Amino acid sequence: MKISTVREFRDNATGYLRSKDPILVTRRGRLAGVFFPRPEASLPIEFKRELFAALSSEIARQLRTRGVKKDQILADFESWRKSKRGMGEHKATERKMREGEKSKRETRRRR
């Protein structure tokens, strides 16, 4: 097992990602994380479930710490969705206008 600082890991990430050895990543002499290379393309379902549970509980903890409520998150997401949907409509309108202009040019050429 190798030991690397965060900076070393960042600077040598490409080489470390090809490594077959686990790497302990430290920050100021304390453990910051562990990197386990994964040769297979997909992760086992048990690992995915464990990872999901760990990430979910950490996100929930951070939201509680910051006092963010579920309604705020849902409202923010809905606002984001509407803005994305609006952008899509805008692009569709632009596309229709370009197609109309193209059609007019082709009609003029035929005359």
N, C-alpha and C. Protein backbone atom coordinates (compact mmCIF):
# COMPACT_ATOMS: atom_id res chain seq x y z
N MET A 1 0.85 -1.17 0.00
CA MET A 1 0.00 0.00 0.00
C MET A 1 0.89 1.24 0.00
N LYS A 2 0.52 2.21 -0.84
CA LYS A 2 1.29 3.44 -0.94
C LYS A 2 0.63 4.52 -0.08
N ILE A 3 1.42 5.51 0.29
CA ILE A 3 0.91 6.67 1.02
C ILE A 3 1.27 7.90 0.20
N SER A 4 0.30 8.79 0.02
CA SER A 4 0.50 9.98 -0.79
C SER A 4 -0.19 11.16 -0.13
N THR A 5 0.39 12.34 -0.29
CA THR A 5 -0.30 13.54 0.16
C THR A 5 -1.36 13.90 -0.89
N VAL A 6 -2.28 14.76 -0.52
CA VAL A 6 -3.30 15.20 -1.48
C VAL A 6 -2.64 15.83 -2.69
N ARG A 7 -1.64 16.66 -2.46
CA ARG A 7 -0.96 17.33 -3.57
C ARG A 7 -0.27 16.32 -4.48
N GLU A 8 0.44 15.36 -3.89
CA GLU A 8 1.11 14.32 -4.71
C GLU A 8 0.07 13.53 -5.50
N PHE A 9 -1.04 13.19 -4.84
CA PHE A 9 -2.07 12.42 -5.53
C PHE A 9 -2.63 13.22 -6.71
N ARG A 10 -2.89 14.50 -6.49
CA ARG A 10 -3.39 15.35 -7.57
C ARG A 10 -2.39 15.43 -8.71
N ASP A 11 -1.13 15.68 -8.38
CA ASP A 11 -0.10 15.86 -9.40
C ASP A 11 0.20 14.57 -10.16
N ASN A 12 0.03 13.42 -9.52
CA ASN A 12 0.35 12.13 -10.15
C ASN A 12 -0.89 11.27 -10.37
N ALA A 13 -2.05 11.89 -10.47
CA ALA A 13 -3.31 11.15 -10.54
C ALA A 13 -3.33 10.14 -11.68
N THR A 14 -2.83 10.51 -12.84
CA THR A 14 -2.88 9.60 -13.97
C THR A 14 -2.12 8.31 -13.67
N GLY A 15 -0.94 8.44 -13.11
CA GLY A 15 -0.16 7.26 -12.76
C GLY A 15 -0.81 6.45 -11.65
N TYR A 16 -1.34 7.14 -10.65
CA TYR A 16 -2.00 6.45 -9.54
C TYR A 16 -3.25 5.70 -10.01
N LEU A 17 -3.96 6.28 -10.97
CA LEU A 17 -5.17 5.61 -11.48
C LEU A 17 -4.84 4.32 -12.22
N ARG A 18 -3.63 4.24 -12.75
CA ARG A 18 -3.20 3.01 -13.43
C ARG A 18 -2.62 1.99 -12.45
N SER A 19 -2.33 2.43 -11.24
CA SER A 19 -1.72 1.58 -10.23
C SER A 19 -2.66 0.46 -9.80
N LYS A 20 -2.07 -0.62 -9.32
CA LYS A 20 -2.88 -1.74 -8.81
C LYS A 20 -2.92 -1.75 -7.29
N ASP A 21 -2.12 -0.86 -6.66
CA ASP A 21 -2.03 -0.82 -5.21
C ASP A 21 -2.98 0.23 -4.63
N PRO A 22 -3.60 -0.07 -3.50
CA PRO A 22 -4.40 0.95 -2.81
C PRO A 22 -3.48 2.08 -2.34
N ILE A 23 -4.03 3.27 -2.24
CA ILE A 23 -3.23 4.43 -1.84
C ILE A 23 -3.95 5.15 -0.70
N LEU A 24 -3.22 5.36 0.39
CA LEU A 24 -3.72 6.18 1.48
C LEU A 24 -3.37 7.63 1.15
N VAL A 25 -4.37 8.49 1.13
CA VAL A 25 -4.13 9.90 0.80
C VAL A 25 -4.22 10.69 2.10
N THR A 26 -3.17 11.47 2.37
CA THR A 26 -3.12 12.22 3.62
C THR A 26 -3.13 13.72 3.37
N ARG A 27 -3.64 14.44 4.35
CA ARG A 27 -3.63 15.90 4.34
C ARG A 27 -3.09 16.34 5.69
N ARG A 28 -1.97 17.03 5.66
CA ARG A 28 -1.31 17.49 6.89
C ARG A 28 -1.05 16.34 7.86
N GLY A 29 -0.66 15.21 7.31
CA GLY A 29 -0.31 14.05 8.13
C GLY A 29 -1.48 13.21 8.61
N ARG A 30 -2.70 13.62 8.29
CA ARG A 30 -3.88 12.86 8.71
C ARG A 30 -4.55 12.24 7.50
N LEU A 31 -5.18 11.12 7.70
CA LEU A 31 -5.83 10.40 6.61
C LEU A 31 -6.97 11.24 6.04
N ALA A 32 -6.93 11.48 4.73
CA ALA A 32 -7.97 12.25 4.05
C ALA A 32 -8.85 11.33 3.20
N GLY A 33 -8.30 10.21 2.77
CA GLY A 33 -9.06 9.29 1.94
C GLY A 33 -8.24 8.08 1.56
N VAL A 34 -8.93 7.14 0.95
CA VAL A 34 -8.28 5.92 0.49
C VAL A 34 -8.70 5.70 -0.95
N PHE A 35 -7.74 5.45 -1.80
CA PHE A 35 -8.03 5.17 -3.20
C PHE A 35 -7.82 3.69 -3.46
N PHE A 36 -8.87 3.03 -3.94
CA PHE A 36 -8.78 1.62 -4.31
C PHE A 36 -8.96 1.51 -5.82
N PRO A 37 -7.91 1.15 -6.54
CA PRO A 37 -8.06 0.97 -7.99
C PRO A 37 -9.06 -0.14 -8.28
N ARG A 38 -9.82 0.03 -9.29
CA ARG A 38 -10.86 -0.95 -9.64
C ARG A 38 -10.64 -1.38 -11.09
N PRO A 39 -10.10 -2.58 -11.31
CA PRO A 39 -9.81 -3.01 -12.67
C PRO A 39 -11.06 -3.32 -13.50
N GLU A 40 -12.10 -3.81 -12.86
CA GLU A 40 -13.32 -4.13 -13.62
C GLU A 40 -14.07 -2.86 -13.97
N ALA A 41 -14.88 -2.96 -15.01
CA ALA A 41 -15.62 -1.79 -15.50
C ALA A 41 -16.74 -1.37 -14.56
N SER A 42 -17.38 -2.31 -13.88
CA SER A 42 -18.50 -1.93 -13.03
C SER A 42 -18.24 -2.35 -11.58
N LEU A 43 -18.95 -1.71 -10.69
CA LEU A 43 -18.81 -1.98 -9.26
C LEU A 43 -19.86 -2.98 -8.81
N PRO A 44 -19.55 -3.78 -7.81
CA PRO A 44 -20.54 -4.72 -7.28
C PRO A 44 -21.72 -3.96 -6.66
N ILE A 45 -22.90 -4.53 -6.77
CA ILE A 45 -24.11 -3.88 -6.28
C ILE A 45 -24.03 -3.60 -4.79
N GLU A 46 -23.40 -4.49 -4.02
CA GLU A 46 -23.28 -4.26 -2.58
C GLU A 46 -22.48 -3.00 -2.29
N PHE A 47 -21.41 -2.80 -3.05
CA PHE A 47 -20.59 -1.61 -2.86
C PHE A 47 -21.37 -0.36 -3.24
N LYS A 48 -22.12 -0.42 -4.35
CA LYS A 48 -22.94 0.71 -4.76
C LYS A 48 -23.96 1.07 -3.70
N ARG A 49 -24.59 0.07 -3.09
CA ARG A 49 -25.58 0.33 -2.04
C ARG A 49 -24.92 0.98 -0.82
N GLU A 50 -23.77 0.45 -0.44
CA GLU A 50 -23.06 1.00 0.71
C GLU A 50 -22.61 2.44 0.46
N LEU A 51 -22.11 2.67 -0.74
CA LEU A 51 -21.68 4.01 -1.11
C LEU A 51 -22.86 4.97 -1.13
N PHE A 52 -23.98 4.55 -1.70
CA PHE A 52 -25.19 5.38 -1.75
C PHE A 52 -25.65 5.74 -0.34
N ALA A 53 -25.66 4.75 0.55
CA ALA A 53 -26.09 5.00 1.93
C ALA A 53 -25.16 5.99 2.62
N ALA A 54 -23.87 5.82 2.43
CA ALA A 54 -22.90 6.72 3.07
C ALA A 54 -23.03 8.15 2.53
N LEU A 55 -23.14 8.28 1.21
CA LEU A 55 -23.26 9.61 0.62
C LEU A 55 -24.58 10.27 1.02
N SER A 56 -25.66 9.49 1.03
CA SER A 56 -26.97 10.03 1.40
C SER A 56 -26.97 10.55 2.83
N SER A 57 -26.40 9.78 3.73
CA SER A 57 -26.39 10.23 5.13
C SER A 57 -25.51 11.45 5.31
N GLU A 58 -24.41 11.54 4.58
CA GLU A 58 -23.54 12.71 4.67
C GLU A 58 -24.22 13.95 4.11
N ILE A 59 -24.91 13.81 3.00
CA ILE A 59 -25.65 14.95 2.42
C ILE A 59 -26.75 15.40 3.38
N ALA A 60 -27.49 14.44 3.96
CA ALA A 60 -28.54 14.77 4.92
C ALA A 60 -27.97 15.50 6.13
N ARG A 61 -26.81 15.05 6.61
CA ARG A 61 -26.17 15.69 7.75
C ARG A 61 -25.79 17.13 7.42
N GLN A 62 -25.21 17.34 6.23
CA GLN A 62 -24.82 18.69 5.84
C GLN A 62 -26.02 19.60 5.66
N LEU A 63 -27.11 19.07 5.11
CA LEU A 63 -28.32 19.88 4.95
C LEU A 63 -28.90 20.26 6.31
N ARG A 64 -28.91 19.32 7.25
CA ARG A 64 -29.40 19.63 8.60
C ARG A 64 -28.52 20.70 9.25
N THR A 65 -27.20 20.57 9.10
CA THR A 65 -26.27 21.53 9.68
C THR A 65 -26.52 22.93 9.15
N ARG A 66 -26.82 23.01 7.87
CA ARG A 66 -27.04 24.32 7.24
C ARG A 66 -28.48 24.81 7.37
N GLY A 67 -29.34 23.97 7.90
CA GLY A 67 -30.73 24.36 8.11
C GLY A 67 -31.56 24.40 6.83
N VAL A 68 -31.16 23.64 5.83
CA VAL A 68 -31.88 23.61 4.56
C VAL A 68 -33.05 22.64 4.68
N LYS A 69 -34.23 23.10 4.27
CA LYS A 69 -35.44 22.28 4.37
C LYS A 69 -35.73 21.62 3.02
N LYS A 70 -36.49 20.52 3.09
CA LYS A 70 -36.85 19.76 1.89
C LYS A 70 -37.59 20.65 0.89
N ASP A 71 -38.50 21.50 1.39
CA ASP A 71 -39.27 22.38 0.50
C ASP A 71 -38.37 23.34 -0.27
N GLN A 72 -37.30 23.81 0.38
CA GLN A 72 -36.36 24.71 -0.28
C GLN A 72 -35.65 23.98 -1.43
N ILE A 73 -35.26 22.76 -1.17
CA ILE A 73 -34.55 21.97 -2.20
C ILE A 73 -35.47 21.72 -3.38
N LEU A 74 -36.71 21.32 -3.10
CA LEU A 74 -37.66 21.04 -4.18
C LEU A 74 -37.97 22.30 -4.98
N ALA A 75 -38.14 23.43 -4.30
CA ALA A 75 -38.41 24.69 -5.00
C ALA A 75 -37.22 25.08 -5.88
N ASP A 76 -36.02 24.92 -5.35
CA ASP A 76 -34.82 25.24 -6.11
C ASP A 76 -34.70 24.34 -7.34
N PHE A 77 -34.99 23.06 -7.16
CA PHE A 77 -34.92 22.13 -8.29
C PHE A 77 -35.96 22.47 -9.35
N GLU A 78 -37.17 22.78 -8.91
CA GLU A 78 -38.24 23.13 -9.85
C GLU A 78 -37.88 24.39 -10.63
N SER A 79 -37.30 25.37 -9.94
CA SER A 79 -36.86 26.59 -10.60
C SER A 79 -35.79 26.28 -11.65
N TRP A 80 -34.86 25.42 -11.29
CA TRP A 80 -33.81 25.02 -12.23
C TRP A 80 -34.41 24.32 -13.45
N ARG A 81 -35.36 23.41 -13.19
CA ARG A 81 -36.00 22.68 -14.30
C ARG A 81 -36.71 23.63 -15.25
N LYS A 82 -37.42 24.60 -14.68
CA LYS A 82 -38.14 25.55 -15.53
C LYS A 82 -37.17 26.38 -16.36
N SER A 83 -36.05 26.77 -15.77
CA SER A 83 -35.08 27.55 -16.52
C SER A 83 -34.47 26.71 -17.64
N LYS A 84 -34.23 25.43 -17.38
CA LYS A 84 -33.69 24.55 -18.42
C LYS A 84 -34.73 24.33 -19.53
N ARG A 85 -35.99 24.15 -19.12
CA ARG A 85 -37.06 23.94 -20.09
C ARG A 85 -37.21 25.18 -20.96
N GLY A 86 -37.12 26.33 -20.34
CA GLY A 86 -37.22 27.58 -21.08
C GLY A 86 -36.09 27.73 -22.09
N MET A 87 -34.92 27.28 -21.72
CA MET A 87 -33.79 27.34 -22.64
C MET A 87 -34.04 26.42 -23.83
N GLY A 88 -34.65 25.28 -23.57
CA GLY A 88 -34.95 24.35 -24.65
C GLY A 88 -35.96 24.92 -25.61
N GLU A 89 -36.98 25.61 -25.08
CA GLU A 89 -37.97 26.24 -25.95
C GLU A 89 -37.33 27.33 -26.77
N HIS A 90 -36.44 28.09 -26.14
CA HIS A 90 -35.74 29.16 -26.85
C HIS A 90 -34.94 28.59 -28.01
N LYS A 91 -34.23 27.51 -27.78
CA LYS A 91 -33.44 26.90 -28.85
C LYS A 91 -34.34 26.36 -29.96
N ALA A 92 -35.49 25.79 -29.57
CA ALA A 92 -36.42 25.28 -30.58
C ALA A 92 -36.95 26.43 -31.43
N THR A 93 -37.26 27.56 -30.80
CA THR A 93 -37.74 28.73 -31.53
C THR A 93 -36.67 29.23 -32.49
N GLU A 94 -35.42 29.30 -32.01
CA GLU A 94 -34.32 29.72 -32.89
C GLU A 94 -34.18 28.79 -34.09
N ARG A 95 -34.30 27.49 -33.83
CA ARG A 95 -34.17 26.51 -34.90
C ARG A 95 -35.27 26.71 -35.94
N LYS A 96 -36.50 26.93 -35.49
CA LYS A 96 -37.62 27.15 -36.41
C LYS A 96 -37.39 28.40 -37.24
N MET A 97 -36.86 29.45 -36.61
CA MET A 97 -36.60 30.69 -37.34
C MET A 97 -35.53 30.47 -38.41
N ARG A 98 -34.47 29.73 -38.06
CA ARG A 98 -33.42 29.45 -39.04
C ARG A 98 -33.97 28.63 -40.21
N GLU A 99 -34.82 27.64 -39.88
CA GLU A 99 -35.40 26.81 -40.93
C GLU A 99 -36.29 27.66 -41.84
N GLY A 100 -37.04 28.59 -41.25
CA GLY A 100 -37.89 29.48 -42.04
C GLY A 100 -37.07 30.36 -42.96
N GLU A 101 -35.96 30.91 -42.45
CA GLU A 101 -35.08 31.73 -43.26
C GLU A 101 -34.46 30.92 -44.38
N LYS A 102 -34.08 29.71 -44.08
CA LYS A 102 -33.49 28.83 -45.09
C LYS A 102 -34.50 28.55 -46.18
N SER A 103 -35.74 28.28 -45.79
CA SER A 103 -36.80 28.01 -46.75
C SER A 103 -37.04 29.23 -47.64
N LYS A 104 -37.02 30.43 -47.07
CA LYS A 104 -37.22 31.66 -47.85
C LYS A 104 -36.09 31.83 -48.87
N ARG A 105 -34.85 31.56 -48.45
CA ARG A 105 -33.72 31.69 -49.37
C ARG A 105 -33.85 30.71 -50.53
N GLU A 106 -34.27 29.48 -50.23
CA GLU A 106 -34.43 28.48 -51.28
C GLU A 106 -35.53 28.87 -52.25
N THR A 107 -36.60 29.46 -51.73
CA THR A 107 -37.70 29.92 -52.58
C THR A 107 -37.20 31.03 -53.49
N ARG A 108 -36.42 31.95 -52.98
CA ARG A 108 -35.88 33.05 -53.80
C ARG A 108 -34.97 32.52 -54.90
N ARG A 109 -34.17 31.50 -54.59
CA ARG A 109 -33.25 30.94 -55.59
C ARG A 109 -34.01 30.29 -56.73
N ARG A 110 -35.12 29.67 -56.42
CA ARG A 110 -35.91 28.98 -57.45
C ARG A 110 -36.54 29.96 -58.42
N ARG A 111 -36.79 31.18 -58.01
CA ARG A 111 -37.46 32.16 -58.87
C ARG A 111 -36.53 32.63 -59.90
